[in-house]
Amino acid sequence: MNTATIRFLAGIFLLVTNQAVGWGGMLLFGNLARRTGRHTYYFFGLSVYIISWIMLLAGVYLVGVAQALAVMRYLPDWVVALAVAGAAVSYYFWRRRARKKAASDEIGNE
């Protein structure tokens, strides 16, 4: 592989992963802050979100503006669909675990 190909692939990787890193980091650290009550996690979430913007800018620089726009034109639909599917699966398993815990608590109280 030549240097241009590696640079292009690295740029595409950064463009594709920056949204997942940014939103995922914000959700993860926001949830940790809510659960633990430690507001420091909000700062970490913001830091990860800022890093995701740096990833976006680096990806645009490595790939070029025209190719970056082409990638970003098709990426949001894919990312949103994946995020919704992930949230739905997570909610399903969370509810399932909550129901099992409630059922075991009822059995233990009898």
Protein backbone atom coordinates (compact mmCIF):
# COMPACT_ATOMS: atom_id res chain seq x y z
CA MET A 1 0.00 0.00 0.00
CA ASN A 2 1.24 3.43 -0.76
CA THR A 3 1.08 6.38 1.58
CA ALA A 4 -1.91 7.97 -0.15
CA THR A 5 -4.01 4.83 0.29
CA ILE A 6 -3.13 4.51 3.98
CA ARG A 7 -3.90 8.19 4.47
CA PHE A 8 -7.25 7.82 2.69
CA LEU A 9 -8.23 4.72 4.70
CA ALA A 10 -7.22 6.38 7.97
CA GLY A 11 -9.32 9.41 7.05
CA ILE A 12 -12.35 7.26 6.20
CA PHE A 13 -11.93 5.40 9.50
CA LEU A 14 -11.88 8.68 11.41
CA LEU A 15 -14.92 9.98 9.53
CA VAL A 16 -16.91 6.82 10.18
CA THR A 17 -16.02 6.41 13.85
CA ASN A 18 -16.11 10.01 15.11
CA GLN A 19 -19.87 10.10 15.67
CA ALA A 20 -19.92 6.82 17.53
CA VAL A 21 -17.04 7.94 19.74
CA GLY A 22 -18.57 11.34 20.48
CA TRP A 23 -22.12 10.30 21.20
CA GLY A 24 -21.09 7.05 22.86
CA GLY A 25 -18.69 8.84 25.17
CA MET A 26 -21.26 11.44 26.10
CA LEU A 27 -23.88 8.79 26.82
CA LEU A 28 -21.50 6.60 28.78
CA PHE A 29 -20.08 9.35 30.96
CA GLY A 30 -23.45 11.05 31.36
CA ASN A 31 -24.89 7.79 32.61
CA LEU A 32 -21.94 7.30 34.97
CA ALA A 33 -22.40 10.83 36.31
CA ARG A 34 -26.08 10.22 36.91
CA ARG A 35 -25.53 6.87 38.61
CA THR A 36 -22.59 7.85 40.80
CA GLY A 37 -23.48 11.49 41.44
CA ARG A 38 -19.93 12.55 40.50
CA HIS A 39 -20.10 15.55 38.20
CA THR A 40 -16.53 14.97 37.01
CA TYR A 41 -17.90 12.44 34.55
CA TYR A 42 -19.72 15.23 32.71
CA PHE A 43 -16.33 16.79 32.01
CA PHE A 44 -15.04 13.47 30.70
CA GLY A 45 -18.07 13.16 28.42
CA LEU A 46 -17.47 16.64 27.07
CA SER A 47 -13.80 15.80 26.54
CA VAL A 48 -14.66 12.71 24.52
CA TYR A 49 -17.12 14.74 22.47
CA ILE A 50 -14.43 17.33 21.71
CA ILE A 51 -12.04 14.53 20.74
CA SER A 52 -14.66 13.27 18.29
CA TRP A 53 -14.70 16.68 16.61
CA ILE A 54 -10.93 16.55 16.34
CA MET A 55 -11.32 13.11 14.74
CA LEU A 56 -13.77 14.61 12.24
CA LEU A 57 -11.42 17.43 11.33
CA ALA A 58 -8.48 15.04 11.00
CA GLY A 59 -10.57 12.76 8.78
CA VAL A 60 -11.55 15.65 6.53
CA TYR A 61 -7.93 16.74 6.32
CA LEU A 62 -6.71 13.24 5.43
CA VAL A 63 -9.43 12.43 2.90
CA GLY A 64 -10.11 15.81 1.39
CA VAL A 65 -13.22 17.94 1.51
CA ALA A 66 -15.00 16.47 -1.53
CA GLN A 67 -14.60 12.85 -0.43
CA ALA A 68 -15.45 13.73 3.17
CA LEU A 69 -18.71 15.32 2.08
CA ALA A 70 -19.54 12.22 0.06
CA VAL A 71 -18.90 9.97 3.07
CA MET A 72 -20.82 12.20 5.46
CA ARG A 73 -23.76 12.38 3.07
CA TYR A 74 -24.39 8.64 3.51
CA LEU A 75 -23.11 8.14 7.04
CA PRO A 76 -25.86 9.75 9.18
CA ASP A 77 -28.59 7.36 8.04
CA TRP A 78 -26.40 4.38 8.85
CA VAL A 79 -25.30 5.77 12.21
CA VAL A 80 -28.82 6.73 13.27
CA ALA A 81 -30.17 3.29 12.33
CA LEU A 82 -27.41 1.59 14.29
CA ALA A 83 -27.93 3.84 17.31
CA VAL A 84 -31.68 3.23 17.36
CA ALA A 85 -31.18 -0.52 17.05
CA GLY A 86 -28.60 -0.48 19.84
CA ALA A 87 -30.87 1.55 22.09
CA ALA A 88 -33.79 -0.78 21.42
CA VAL A 89 -31.76 -3.89 22.22
CA SER A 90 -30.34 -2.28 25.36
CA TYR A 91 -33.80 -1.27 26.54
CA TYR A 92 -35.12 -4.77 25.90
CA PHE A 93 -32.42 -6.42 28.01
CA TRP A 94 -32.68 -3.76 30.73
CA ARG A 95 -36.44 -4.34 31.06
CA ARG A 96 -35.94 -8.09 31.00
CA ARG A 97 -33.41 -7.87 33.82
CA ALA A 98 -35.69 -5.56 35.82
CA ARG A 99 -38.60 -7.98 35.47
CA LYS A 100 -36.47 -10.93 36.58
CA LYS A 101 -35.24 -8.97 39.59
CA ALA A 102 -38.79 -7.96 40.52
CA ALA A 103 -39.96 -11.56 40.18
CA SER A 104 -37.11 -12.87 42.33
CA ASP A 105 -37.81 -10.20 44.96
CA GLU A 106 -41.45 -11.29 45.11
CA ILE A 107 -40.47 -14.92 45.52
CA GLY A 108 -37.97 -14.00 48.24
CA ASN A 109 -40.57 -11.99 50.17
CA GLU A 110 -43.08 -14.82 50.35
